[in-house]
Protein backbone atom coordinates (compact mmCIF):
# COMPACT_ATOMS: atom_id res chain seq x y z
CA MET A 1 -34.98 17.37 -30.44
CA ALA A 2 -34.56 15.67 -27.06
CA GLU A 3 -31.44 16.43 -25.10
CA THR A 4 -29.16 13.42 -24.62
CA THR A 5 -26.46 12.92 -22.04
CA HIS A 6 -23.86 13.77 -24.69
CA ASP A 7 -25.39 17.21 -25.16
CA VAL A 8 -25.20 18.15 -21.47
CA LYS A 9 -22.10 20.12 -20.51
CA PRO A 10 -20.58 19.18 -17.16
CA SER A 11 -20.84 21.82 -14.47
CA PRO A 12 -18.24 22.45 -11.76
CA THR A 13 -20.58 20.88 -9.21
CA THR A 14 -20.66 17.59 -11.13
CA VAL A 15 -16.99 17.52 -12.10
CA ALA A 16 -15.48 18.29 -8.67
CA PRO A 17 -16.70 15.08 -6.99
CA CYS A 18 -15.30 13.05 -9.88
CA ILE A 19 -11.91 14.74 -9.57
CA ALA A 20 -11.86 14.11 -5.82
CA LYS A 21 -12.68 10.42 -6.33
CA VAL A 22 -10.05 10.03 -9.04
CA ASN A 23 -7.48 11.68 -6.75
CA LEU A 24 -8.54 9.41 -3.91
CA ILE A 25 -8.20 6.25 -5.98
CA ARG A 26 -4.87 7.33 -7.49
CA ARG A 27 -3.26 8.09 -4.13
CA ARG A 28 -4.50 4.86 -2.53
CA ARG A 29 -3.30 2.74 -5.45
CA GLN A 30 0.09 4.44 -5.38
CA LEU A 31 0.66 3.72 -1.69
CA CYS A 32 -0.73 0.18 -1.88
CA GLY A 33 1.48 -0.54 -4.89
CA GLN A 34 4.59 0.64 -3.08
CA LEU A 35 3.79 -1.33 0.06
CA THR A 36 3.00 -4.43 -1.99
CA LEU A 37 6.30 -4.19 -3.86
CA LEU A 38 8.14 -3.81 -0.55
CA MET A 39 6.49 -6.93 0.87
CA LEU A 40 6.96 -8.97 -2.30
CA GLY A 41 10.61 -7.91 -2.49
CA ALA A 42 11.21 -9.02 1.09
CA TYR A 43 9.51 -12.39 0.61
CA PHE A 44 11.14 -13.11 -2.74
CA GLY A 45 14.50 -12.01 -1.35
CA PHE A 46 14.06 -14.46 1.52
CA ILE A 47 13.14 -17.27 -0.89
CA LEU A 48 16.06 -16.42 -3.20
CA ILE A 49 18.49 -16.62 -0.29
CA LEU A 50 17.00 -20.00 0.65
CA VAL A 51 17.39 -21.27 -2.90
CA LEU A 52 20.76 -19.78 -3.82
CA LYS A 53 22.59 -19.95 -0.49
CA PRO A 54 20.71 -22.09 2.05
CA THR A 55 23.70 -22.36 4.36
CA ALA A 56 23.59 -18.60 4.99
CA LEU A 57 20.28 -18.89 6.82
CA ALA A 58 21.25 -22.17 8.49
CA THR A 59 24.21 -20.51 10.24
CA ALA A 60 23.73 -19.93 13.95
CA LEU A 61 24.03 -16.45 15.40
CA PRO A 62 27.29 -15.88 17.28
CA GLY A 63 26.94 -17.20 20.82
CA ALA A 64 23.39 -18.51 20.30
CA THR A 65 21.57 -21.58 19.06
CA VAL A 66 19.18 -19.52 16.95
CA THR A 67 19.88 -19.40 13.20
CA TRP A 68 19.80 -16.44 10.84
CA GLY A 69 16.82 -18.05 9.09
CA PHE A 70 14.81 -17.89 12.31
CA VAL A 71 15.65 -14.21 12.70
CA ALA A 72 14.87 -13.48 9.04
CA GLY A 73 11.53 -15.31 9.30
CA PHE A 74 10.48 -13.28 12.31
CA GLY A 75 11.81 -10.20 10.54
CA LEU A 76 9.30 -10.84 7.77
CA PHE A 77 6.52 -10.95 10.35
CA GLY A 78 7.81 -7.69 11.80
CA LEU A 79 7.90 -6.13 8.33
CA THR A 80 4.30 -7.21 7.77
CA PHE A 81 3.16 -5.52 10.98
CA PHE A 82 5.19 -2.42 10.06
CA ILE A 83 3.56 -2.21 6.62
CA VAL A 84 0.10 -2.56 8.17
CA ALA A 85 0.94 0.20 10.67
CA VAL A 86 2.15 2.48 7.84
CA TYR A 87 -1.05 1.90 5.86
CA VAL A 88 -3.34 2.47 8.86
CA SER A 89 -1.47 5.64 9.79
CA TRP A 90 -1.65 6.91 6.20
CA ALA A 91 -5.33 6.00 5.94
CA ASN A 92 -6.15 7.94 9.10
CA ARG A 93 -4.12 11.01 8.13
CA VAL A 94 -4.64 11.20 4.35
CA PHE A 95 -7.20 8.74 3.05
CA ASP A 96 -10.05 9.52 5.46
CA PRO A 97 -9.93 13.30 4.80
CA LEU A 98 -9.94 12.59 1.04
CA VAL A 99 -12.99 10.34 1.45
CA ALA A 100 -14.75 13.08 3.41
CA GLN A 101 -13.81 15.59 0.72
CA ALA A 102 -15.18 13.33 -2.02
CA ARG A 103 -18.41 12.86 -0.09
CA GLU A 104 -18.81 16.63 0.29
CA GLY A 105 -18.60 17.09 -3.43
CA GLY A 106 -14.89 17.72 -3.80
CA ARG A 107 -14.69 20.83 -1.63
CA PRO A 108 -11.53 20.96 0.55
């Protein structure tokens, strides 16, 4: 009888790369999910303030002609750059070594 793929038992050398890739994907999805929720929360919070209390963002800062809405809008840009910096830093410290580990067959 011919041996099928279902009859072959996985060896540690074939399972380790799969485990490393699963770990890699899980950790990346976890961080990306958290950063996405942070960004969506900030944007939806900004929109909710605009809808529910538009005068709050139309109020000028004390002693200035700039409004709170202007500051909040640029704050969203700043948050975007911060999130990108967090992801790049994490990718360089954590993600790249995990990719190298997965390429080497799961060996640390």
